[in-house]
Amino acid sequence: MAANRSSSRNLTRRIIANTTDTYRSAWANSQYDPVKLFGEGASTHMDILCRWVLNQKPNDKVDRDMLMSLKSMVRAYADWTPDLLRFSDRRHAKFQGVPDANGNNIQQNLSQDELGGLSLYGSETLSKMFRYYADDWLRMLHYKELCPCWYDQHRQPVSVEIRATELEETLVAKAKDLASLEKEKYNLNKEIDKRYEIEDITLHWTNELRRSCVEGIRAMAAADMWAYERHMDRLKAVYDAYTTVPRISRVMVMCLSAHADFEHRLRFLHVEDESIRKRIFICAWDTKKKLIESGQHAFLSHLESKHWPKADDAARYIGAELSNLFDYRLIRDWGFGRPWAGLELYIDAGFHKLNDIITRIRNITSGSSKDLLAVKPVDMYDIIRMQDRSCDICTTDFKDLEVVMR
């Protein structure tokens, strides 16, 4: 176990390590601060840095780990923390629990607010999302086949392709419309940090994490400018600035990165948490059998090649588009739930003295009905001490920064 533990430390060490007295470096001088230099144009300068970081390619193992850290911070600044703020906004629908099968408990139950007034338990947009989710999306995934076939009077195969067209065009268009509604409701083109209203005290951590990421990118932009002027290693300077971000924020960014990577890999071969090959069929197995037995291989191949790539792309697009919408997450993730009890990121916390930080993260992100930090950090050696060094099911040894289903 000692050898295994030693080898697992390297990745976390490079992500969590602190650089001694980094702020005493010259780049920390105010003359390189993008906010003081460019004022309202600072965000543009910081965005340029973000694009530069994302375009960098790893050369060796050290660079790979360094880039993983920097790119995660950039994505937290550009995508993940804005989403957290948006999901924390008080103007979203107030709804807890599981919707009825027909959606009747959405926008019909009255609840009493803190001031004693009555408010609808749901919203019009939530109702629209439920109708799309239940009546359109899940209905489409429930079909036995998208292109049912039969034989005409001349014994030639005929196919009705209206379901495939509905998935490839109509459902994709509706998903775009739902995304546009949310974009219009929250004025997503305005400055991120000035448009959201967070009242739920259990979600205030999203504001603090956002502020920490903004300050981190601001320091990274200053370091980049300092290194560029002196023809020094820009990436090393940017990484030094990254290590000044509070460790608790870096661990939370690691959790956000792990969740984004998990969902991306899941959507690649799955739809609604099940293999896409088990949910979408161009032709049912009995239809395929009849066509093959009657020598209609070319007809079957034509249907598959015409519709499968489009249906596959449509399903992935809809899954990605919906996952960014609050009402969808409220219904599926925080309502019906996912097939797992939770996701955890195993970290070698003892070696890096992160035990207190992990406890703080789990405390401040609990208590809300909306589990915005979907991947929780865990000290992997707490698990090892309780049940052994490997998984009870697959007997594979636990690894640092590995996402595990609970």
Protein backbone atom coordinates (compact mmCIF):
# COMPACT_ATOMS: atom_id res chain seq x y z
CA MET A 1 0.00 0.00 0.00
CA ALA A 2 2.91 2.34 0.71
CA ALA A 3 4.14 2.17 -2.88
CA ASN A 4 0.64 2.67 -4.20
CA ARG A 5 0.08 5.62 -1.89
CA SER A 6 3.37 7.24 -2.95
CA SER A 7 2.57 6.95 -6.64
CA SER A 8 -0.89 8.46 -6.13
CA ARG A 9 0.45 11.60 -4.48
CA ASN A 10 2.09 13.18 -7.50
CA LEU A 11 -1.01 14.46 -9.29
CA THR A 12 -2.64 16.04 -6.27
CA ARG A 13 0.70 17.50 -5.19
CA ARG A 14 1.03 19.52 -8.40
CA ILE A 15 -2.58 20.70 -8.26
CA ILE A 16 -2.76 21.63 -4.58
CA ALA A 17 0.82 22.68 -3.80
CA ASN A 18 1.41 26.27 -2.69
CA THR A 19 4.17 28.45 -4.07
CA THR A 20 6.06 30.15 -1.25
CA ASP A 21 5.81 33.96 -1.17
CA THR A 22 4.41 34.09 -4.72
CA TYR A 23 2.74 37.46 -4.13
CA ARG A 24 6.16 38.97 -3.43
CA SER A 25 7.07 38.36 -7.07
CA ALA A 26 7.24 41.33 -9.37
CA TRP A 27 4.13 40.35 -11.33
CA ALA A 28 2.00 40.93 -8.23
CA ASN A 29 2.77 44.65 -8.54
CA SER A 30 -0.29 46.73 -9.39
CA GLN A 31 1.25 47.85 -12.67
CA TYR A 32 0.35 44.45 -14.12
CA ASP A 33 -3.15 44.22 -12.65
CA PRO A 34 -5.55 44.01 -15.64
CA VAL A 35 -8.36 45.70 -13.69
CA LYS A 36 -6.20 48.74 -12.91
CA LEU A 37 -4.70 48.79 -16.38
CA PHE A 38 -7.82 48.27 -18.50
CA GLY A 39 -10.75 49.06 -16.20
CA GLU A 40 -13.95 47.70 -17.74
CA GLY A 41 -11.87 46.12 -20.49
CA ALA A 42 -10.11 43.84 -18.00
CA SER A 43 -12.50 40.98 -18.67
CA THR A 44 -11.51 41.02 -22.35
CA HIS A 45 -7.85 40.79 -21.41
CA MET A 46 -8.61 37.95 -18.99
CA ASP A 47 -10.58 36.15 -21.70
CA ILE A 48 -7.55 36.38 -24.00
CA LEU A 49 -5.45 34.70 -21.31
CA CYS A 50 -8.10 31.99 -20.93
CA ARG A 51 -8.07 31.22 -24.65
CA TRP A 52 -4.27 31.11 -24.64
CA VAL A 53 -4.23 28.63 -21.75
CA LEU A 54 -6.86 26.40 -23.35
CA ASN A 55 -4.83 26.28 -26.58
CA GLN A 56 -1.65 25.06 -24.87
CA LYS A 57 -0.58 21.46 -25.49
CA PRO A 58 1.25 19.23 -22.97
CA ASN A 59 4.83 18.22 -23.69
CA ASP A 60 5.57 15.90 -20.78
CA LYS A 61 3.98 14.61 -17.58
CA VAL A 62 4.70 17.72 -15.53
CA ASP A 63 3.26 20.01 -18.17
CA ARG A 64 0.22 17.78 -18.48
CA ASP A 65 -0.59 18.05 -14.79
CA MET A 66 0.10 21.78 -14.80
CA LEU A 67 -2.13 22.36 -17.80
CA MET A 68 -4.91 20.26 -16.29
CA SER A 69 -4.90 22.55 -13.25
CA LEU A 70 -4.81 25.77 -15.29
CA LYS A 71 -7.46 24.66 -17.77
CA SER A 72 -9.77 23.60 -14.95
CA MET A 73 -9.42 27.05 -13.35
CA VAL A 74 -10.09 28.72 -16.71
CA ARG A 75 -13.22 26.64 -17.27
CA ALA A 76 -14.36 27.31 -13.71
CA TYR A 77 -14.01 31.04 -14.40
CA ALA A 78 -15.62 30.94 -17.86
CA ASP A 79 -18.32 28.26 -17.48
CA TRP A 80 -18.75 26.37 -14.24
CA THR A 81 -19.00 29.17 -11.65
CA PRO A 82 -21.34 31.27 -13.84
CA ASP A 83 -23.60 28.21 -14.03
CA LEU A 84 -23.44 27.80 -10.24
CA LEU A 85 -24.49 31.42 -9.78
CA ARG A 86 -27.30 31.04 -12.28
CA PHE A 87 -28.57 27.88 -10.57
CA SER A 88 -28.43 29.71 -7.20
CA ASP A 89 -30.61 32.62 -8.36
CA ARG A 90 -33.69 33.16 -6.21
CA ARG A 91 -35.90 33.83 -9.25
CA HIS A 92 -35.90 30.18 -10.24
CA ALA A 93 -38.94 28.00 -9.64
CA LYS A 94 -39.52 26.90 -6.04
CA PHE A 95 -40.07 23.17 -6.19
CA GLN A 96 -38.87 20.21 -4.16
CA GLY A 97 -39.44 16.51 -4.45
CA VAL A 98 -40.59 14.41 -7.39
CA PRO A 99 -43.12 15.70 -9.94
CA ASP A 100 -46.29 13.68 -10.43
CA ALA A 101 -46.38 11.43 -13.47
CA ASN A 102 -48.73 13.91 -15.17
CA GLY A 103 -47.02 17.00 -13.74
CA ASN A 104 -50.15 18.13 -11.87
CA ASN A 105 -48.20 19.16 -8.77
CA ILE A 106 -46.23 21.76 -10.74
CA GLN A 107 -47.60 25.32 -10.62
CA GLN A 108 -50.72 24.25 -8.76
CA ASN A 109 -49.68 23.84 -5.13
CA LEU A 110 -49.49 27.05 -3.09
CA SER A 111 -46.70 27.53 -0.59
CA GLN A 112 -46.24 30.21 2.07
CA ASP A 113 -43.13 32.36 1.79
CA GLU A 114 -41.13 33.92 4.65
CA LEU A 115 -43.31 37.05 4.67
CA GLY A 116 -46.52 35.09 4.98
CA GLY A 117 -47.58 35.51 1.38
CA LEU A 118 -48.69 32.74 -0.94
CA SER A 119 -46.73 31.76 -4.02
CA LEU A 120 -47.08 29.11 -6.68
CA TYR A 121 -45.07 25.94 -6.13
CA GLY A 122 -43.53 25.85 -9.58
CA SER A 123 -43.48 28.15 -12.59
CA GLU A 124 -44.63 28.42 -16.17
CA THR A 125 -41.15 27.65 -17.47
CA LEU A 126 -40.90 24.61 -15.20
CA SER A 127 -44.23 23.37 -16.58
CA LYS A 128 -42.96 23.81 -20.13
CA MET A 129 -39.81 21.90 -19.29
CA PHE A 130 -41.79 19.05 -17.71
CA ARG A 131 -44.04 18.82 -20.76
CA TYR A 132 -41.00 18.64 -23.00
CA TYR A 133 -39.18 16.18 -20.74
CA ALA A 134 -42.13 13.82 -20.20
CA ASP A 135 -44.27 14.21 -23.32
CA ASP A 136 -41.59 14.76 -25.95
CA TRP A 137 -38.15 13.59 -24.84
CA LEU A 138 -38.95 10.49 -22.74
CA ARG A 139 -41.75 9.50 -25.12
CA MET A 140 -39.26 9.55 -27.99
CA LEU A 141 -36.81 7.41 -26.04
CA HIS A 142 -39.63 4.98 -25.22
CA TYR A 143 -40.44 4.18 -28.85
CA LYS A 144 -39.66 0.64 -29.93
CA GLU A 145 -38.28 1.99 -33.21
CA LEU A 146 -38.00 5.32 -35.00
CA CYS A 147 -38.69 3.94 -38.50
CA PRO A 148 -41.40 1.25 -38.39
CA CYS A 149 -41.62 -0.77 -41.61
CA TRP A 150 -44.16 -2.92 -43.43
CA TYR A 151 -44.67 -4.33 -46.92
CA ASP A 152 -46.92 -2.78 -49.56
CA GLN A 153 -49.16 -4.69 -51.97
CA HIS A 154 -46.16 -5.39 -54.19
CA ARG A 155 -44.20 -6.90 -51.30
CA GLN A 156 -41.82 -3.95 -51.19
CA PRO A 157 -40.72 -2.56 -47.83
CA VAL A 158 -42.12 0.82 -46.80
CA SER A 159 -40.96 2.87 -43.85
CA VAL A 160 -42.56 5.77 -42.00
CA GLU A 161 -39.75 8.07 -40.87
CA ILE A 162 -41.78 10.73 -39.07
CA ARG A 163 -40.46 9.76 -35.62
CA ALA A 164 -36.85 10.00 -36.76
CA THR A 165 -37.53 13.41 -38.29
CA GLU A 166 -39.22 14.52 -35.07
CA LEU A 167 -36.14 13.61 -33.04
CA GLU A 168 -33.65 15.05 -35.51
CA GLU A 169 -35.46 18.34 -36.08
CA THR A 170 -38.49 19.09 -33.86
CA LEU A 171 -37.06 18.01 -30.49
CA VAL A 172 -33.74 19.72 -31.20
CA ALA A 173 -35.56 22.95 -32.08
CA LYS A 174 -37.66 22.75 -28.89
CA ALA A 175 -34.54 22.25 -26.77
CA LYS A 176 -33.05 25.38 -28.36
CA ASP A 177 -36.24 27.30 -27.57
CA LEU A 178 -36.14 26.24 -23.91
CA ALA A 179 -32.50 27.35 -23.68
CA SER A 180 -33.43 30.69 -25.26
CA LEU A 181 -36.19 31.19 -22.67
CA GLU A 182 -33.73 30.80 -19.81
CA LYS A 183 -31.17 33.00 -21.55
CA GLU A 184 -33.78 35.74 -21.99
CA LYS A 185 -35.11 35.38 -18.43
CA TYR A 186 -31.72 35.88 -16.80
CA ASN A 187 -30.20 38.28 -19.34
CA LEU A 188 -27.25 36.00 -19.96
CA ASN A 189 -25.53 38.60 -22.15
CA LYS A 190 -25.03 40.95 -19.20
CA GLU A 191 -22.06 40.91 -16.86
CA ILE A 192 -22.13 37.66 -14.89
CA ASP A 193 -21.30 38.96 -11.45
CA LYS A 194 -23.96 41.69 -11.38
CA ARG A 195 -27.11 39.96 -12.53
CA TYR A 196 -27.86 37.20 -10.04
CA GLU A 197 -29.74 37.42 -6.74
CA ILE A 198 -28.84 34.74 -4.19
CA GLU A 199 -30.93 34.66 -1.02
CA ASP A 200 -30.57 31.02 0.05
CA ILE A 201 -27.84 31.11 2.70
CA THR A 202 -26.91 27.50 1.89
CA LEU A 203 -25.85 28.63 -1.59
CA HIS A 204 -23.71 31.64 -0.67
CA TRP A 205 -20.61 29.51 -1.22
CA THR A 206 -21.22 29.82 -4.97
CA ASN A 207 -20.58 33.57 -4.73
CA GLU A 208 -17.38 33.06 -2.75
CA LEU A 209 -16.08 30.45 -5.19
CA ARG A 210 -16.86 32.71 -8.14
CA ARG A 211 -15.02 35.63 -6.52
CA SER A 212 -12.02 33.39 -5.81
CA CYS A 213 -11.87 32.20 -9.43
CA VAL A 214 -12.12 35.75 -10.79
CA GLU A 215 -9.28 36.88 -8.53
CA GLY A 216 -7.26 33.84 -9.61
CA ILE A 217 -7.63 34.60 -13.32
CA ARG A 218 -6.84 38.24 -12.59
CA ALA A 219 -3.54 37.21 -10.93
CA MET A 220 -2.78 34.77 -13.76
CA ALA A 221 -3.30 37.54 -16.33
CA ALA A 222 -0.93 39.82 -14.41
CA ALA A 223 1.71 37.08 -14.21
CA ASP A 224 1.37 36.40 -17.92
CA MET A 225 1.90 40.07 -18.76
CA TRP A 226 4.96 40.24 -16.49
CA ALA A 227 6.52 37.11 -18.04
CA TYR A 228 5.74 38.21 -21.59
CA GLU A 229 7.54 41.54 -21.12
CA ARG A 230 10.66 39.74 -19.87
CA HIS A 231 10.60 36.87 -22.40
CA MET A 232 10.29 34.39 -19.55
CA ASP A 233 8.31 31.16 -19.26
CA ARG A 234 4.73 32.44 -19.40
CA LEU A 235 3.16 29.13 -18.45
CA LYS A 236 5.32 28.77 -15.35
CA ALA A 237 4.48 32.33 -14.29
CA VAL A 238 0.77 31.74 -14.82
CA TYR A 239 0.97 28.52 -12.80
CA ASP A 240 2.72 30.34 -9.95
CA ALA A 241 -0.18 32.80 -9.90
CA TYR A 242 -2.67 29.91 -9.94
CA THR A 243 -1.14 28.49 -6.75
CA THR A 244 -2.12 31.66 -4.88
CA VAL A 245 -5.80 30.75 -5.21
CA PRO A 246 -7.08 29.51 -1.81
CA ARG A 247 -6.72 25.76 -1.50
CA ILE A 248 -10.38 25.27 -0.66
CA SER A 249 -11.30 26.92 -3.97
CA ARG A 250 -8.84 24.75 -5.87
CA VAL A 251 -10.28 21.58 -4.36
CA MET A 252 -13.80 22.72 -5.29
CA VAL A 253 -12.63 23.44 -8.84
CA MET A 254 -11.19 19.92 -8.94
CA CYS A 255 -14.66 18.61 -8.00
CA LEU A 256 -16.32 20.73 -10.70
CA SER A 257 -13.76 19.51 -13.25
CA ALA A 258 -14.34 15.88 -12.27
CA HIS A 259 -18.10 16.33 -12.63
CA ALA A 260 -17.84 18.02 -16.03
CA ASP A 261 -15.54 15.26 -17.29
CA PHE A 262 -17.83 12.55 -15.90
CA GLU A 263 -20.94 14.02 -17.56
CA HIS A 264 -19.11 14.56 -20.86
CA ARG A 265 -17.93 10.95 -21.01
CA LEU A 266 -21.36 9.71 -19.93
CA ARG A 267 -23.15 11.63 -22.71
CA PHE A 268 -20.77 10.23 -25.32
CA LEU A 269 -22.40 6.78 -25.19
CA HIS A 270 -25.47 7.35 -23.01
CA VAL A 271 -28.76 9.16 -23.09
CA GLU A 272 -30.68 9.75 -19.85
CA ASP A 273 -28.08 7.64 -18.02
CA GLU A 274 -28.61 4.55 -20.16
CA SER A 275 -26.69 3.24 -23.16
CA ILE A 276 -27.87 5.06 -26.25
CA ARG A 277 -27.97 1.72 -28.08
CA LYS A 278 -30.60 0.55 -25.61
CA ARG A 279 -32.79 3.66 -25.91
CA ILE A 280 -32.73 4.59 -29.59
CA PHE A 281 -33.47 2.11 -32.38
CA ILE A 282 -33.90 2.99 -36.03
CA CYS A 283 -35.56 -0.40 -36.57
CA ALA A 284 -36.61 -2.89 -33.92
CA TRP A 285 -34.94 -6.28 -33.82
CA ASP A 286 -38.00 -8.10 -35.19
CA THR A 287 -38.22 -5.58 -38.05
CA LYS A 288 -34.54 -6.11 -38.86
CA LYS A 289 -35.06 -9.87 -38.83
CA LYS A 290 -37.96 -9.71 -41.29
CA LEU A 291 -36.07 -7.40 -43.65
CA ILE A 292 -32.96 -9.59 -43.59
CA GLU A 293 -34.94 -12.79 -44.11
CA SER A 294 -36.70 -11.22 -47.11
CA GLY A 295 -33.42 -10.14 -48.66
CA GLN A 296 -33.89 -6.41 -48.00
CA HIS A 297 -30.39 -5.80 -46.66
CA ALA A 298 -29.91 -2.70 -48.80
CA PHE A 299 -33.17 -1.14 -47.59
CA LEU A 300 -32.24 -1.73 -43.94
CA SER A 301 -28.72 -0.42 -44.48
CA HIS A 302 -30.14 2.71 -46.13
CA LEU A 303 -32.40 3.45 -43.15
CA GLU A 304 -29.62 2.90 -40.63
CA SER A 305 -27.03 4.99 -42.48
CA LYS A 306 -29.54 7.78 -43.15
CA HIS A 307 -30.95 8.20 -39.65
CA TRP A 308 -28.57 6.74 -37.04
CA PRO A 309 -25.86 9.45 -37.29
CA LYS A 310 -28.52 12.19 -37.16
CA ALA A 311 -30.39 10.55 -34.28
CA ASP A 312 -27.13 10.02 -32.36
CA ASP A 313 -26.08 13.66 -32.84
CA ALA A 314 -29.56 14.90 -31.90
CA ALA A 315 -29.64 12.87 -28.68
CA ARG A 316 -26.20 14.13 -27.62
CA TYR A 317 -27.08 17.71 -28.46
CA ILE A 318 -30.36 17.58 -26.51
CA GLY A 319 -28.64 15.99 -23.52
CA ALA A 320 -25.92 18.65 -23.47
CA GLU A 321 -28.36 21.53 -24.01
CA LEU A 322 -30.81 20.42 -21.33
CA SER A 323 -28.12 19.77 -18.72
CA ASN A 324 -27.32 23.50 -18.71
CA LEU A 325 -30.91 24.45 -17.83
CA PHE A 326 -32.07 24.88 -14.24
CA ASP A 327 -35.60 23.54 -14.77
CA TYR A 328 -34.28 20.33 -16.31
CA ARG A 329 -31.82 19.82 -13.46
CA LEU A 330 -34.61 20.56 -10.97
CA ILE A 331 -36.81 17.86 -12.48
CA ARG A 332 -34.21 15.18 -13.22
CA ASP A 333 -31.18 15.62 -10.94
CA TRP A 334 -32.91 17.09 -7.87
CA GLY A 335 -36.36 15.57 -8.50
CA PHE A 336 -36.44 12.10 -10.01
CA GLY A 337 -32.75 11.61 -9.22
CA ARG A 338 -29.93 9.77 -10.97
CA PRO A 339 -29.16 6.02 -10.86
CA TRP A 340 -26.49 6.57 -8.18
CA ALA A 341 -26.68 7.84 -4.61
CA GLY A 342 -23.80 10.26 -5.15
CA LEU A 343 -20.44 10.89 -6.80
CA GLU A 344 -17.22 11.27 -4.83
CA LEU A 345 -13.73 12.43 -5.76
CA TYR A 346 -11.11 10.42 -3.89
CA ILE A 347 -8.18 12.57 -2.74
CA ASP A 348 -5.04 11.75 -0.77
CA ALA A 349 -6.08 14.30 1.83
CA GLY A 350 -3.82 13.31 4.72
CA PHE A 351 -0.55 13.76 2.85
CA HIS A 352 -1.57 17.20 1.61
CA LYS A 353 -3.26 18.20 4.89
CA LEU A 354 -6.62 18.66 3.22
CA ASN A 355 -8.75 16.87 5.80
CA ASP A 356 -10.12 20.10 7.28
CA ILE A 357 -10.71 21.56 3.83
CA ILE A 358 -12.64 18.50 2.70
CA THR A 359 -14.78 18.66 5.84
CA ARG A 360 -15.45 22.38 5.28
CA ILE A 361 -16.46 21.78 1.66
CA ARG A 362 -18.87 19.00 2.57
CA ASN A 363 -20.39 21.18 5.30
CA ILE A 364 -20.88 24.37 3.29
CA THR A 365 -22.26 22.59 0.22
CA SER A 366 -24.86 20.58 2.15
CA GLY A 367 -28.24 21.68 3.43
CA SER A 368 -29.75 22.82 0.14
CA SER A 369 -32.29 20.83 -1.87
CA LYS A 370 -30.20 21.65 -4.94
CA ASP A 371 -26.96 19.68 -4.79
CA LEU A 372 -24.90 22.05 -6.93
CA LEU A 373 -21.57 20.43 -6.09
CA ALA A 374 -22.49 17.07 -7.58
CA VAL A 375 -19.06 15.51 -6.91
CA LYS A 376 -18.02 15.64 -3.25
CA PRO A 377 -14.37 15.36 -2.12
CA VAL A 378 -13.45 12.40 0.09
CA ASP A 379 -10.20 11.35 1.75
CA MET A 380 -9.48 8.10 -0.08
CA TYR A 381 -7.57 6.70 2.91
CA ASP A 382 -10.61 7.10 5.14
CA ILE A 383 -12.29 4.67 2.76
CA ILE A 384 -9.24 2.39 2.68
CA ARG A 385 -9.11 2.26 6.48
CA MET A 386 -12.75 1.23 6.56
CA GLN A 387 -12.89 -1.36 3.80
CA ASP A 388 -9.41 -2.08 2.37
CA ARG A 389 -7.33 -0.58 -0.42
CA SER A 390 -9.58 -1.68 -3.28
CA CYS A 391 -13.18 -1.51 -4.44
CA ASP A 392 -15.48 -4.19 -2.99
CA ILE A 393 -17.04 -4.85 -6.40
CA CYS A 394 -14.26 -4.71 -9.02
CA THR A 395 -11.30 -5.11 -6.56
CA THR A 396 -9.42 -2.34 -8.38
CA ASP A 397 -7.15 -0.22 -6.20
CA PHE A 398 -8.38 3.31 -5.51
CA LYS A 399 -6.52 6.11 -7.29
CA ASP A 400 -5.91 9.74 -6.45
CA LEU A 401 -8.47 12.06 -8.11
CA GLU A 402 -10.69 9.15 -9.14
CA VAL A 403 -14.46 9.66 -9.35
CA VAL A 404 -16.39 6.89 -7.61
CA MET A 405 -20.14 6.24 -7.61
CA ARG A 406 -21.73 5.79 -4.22
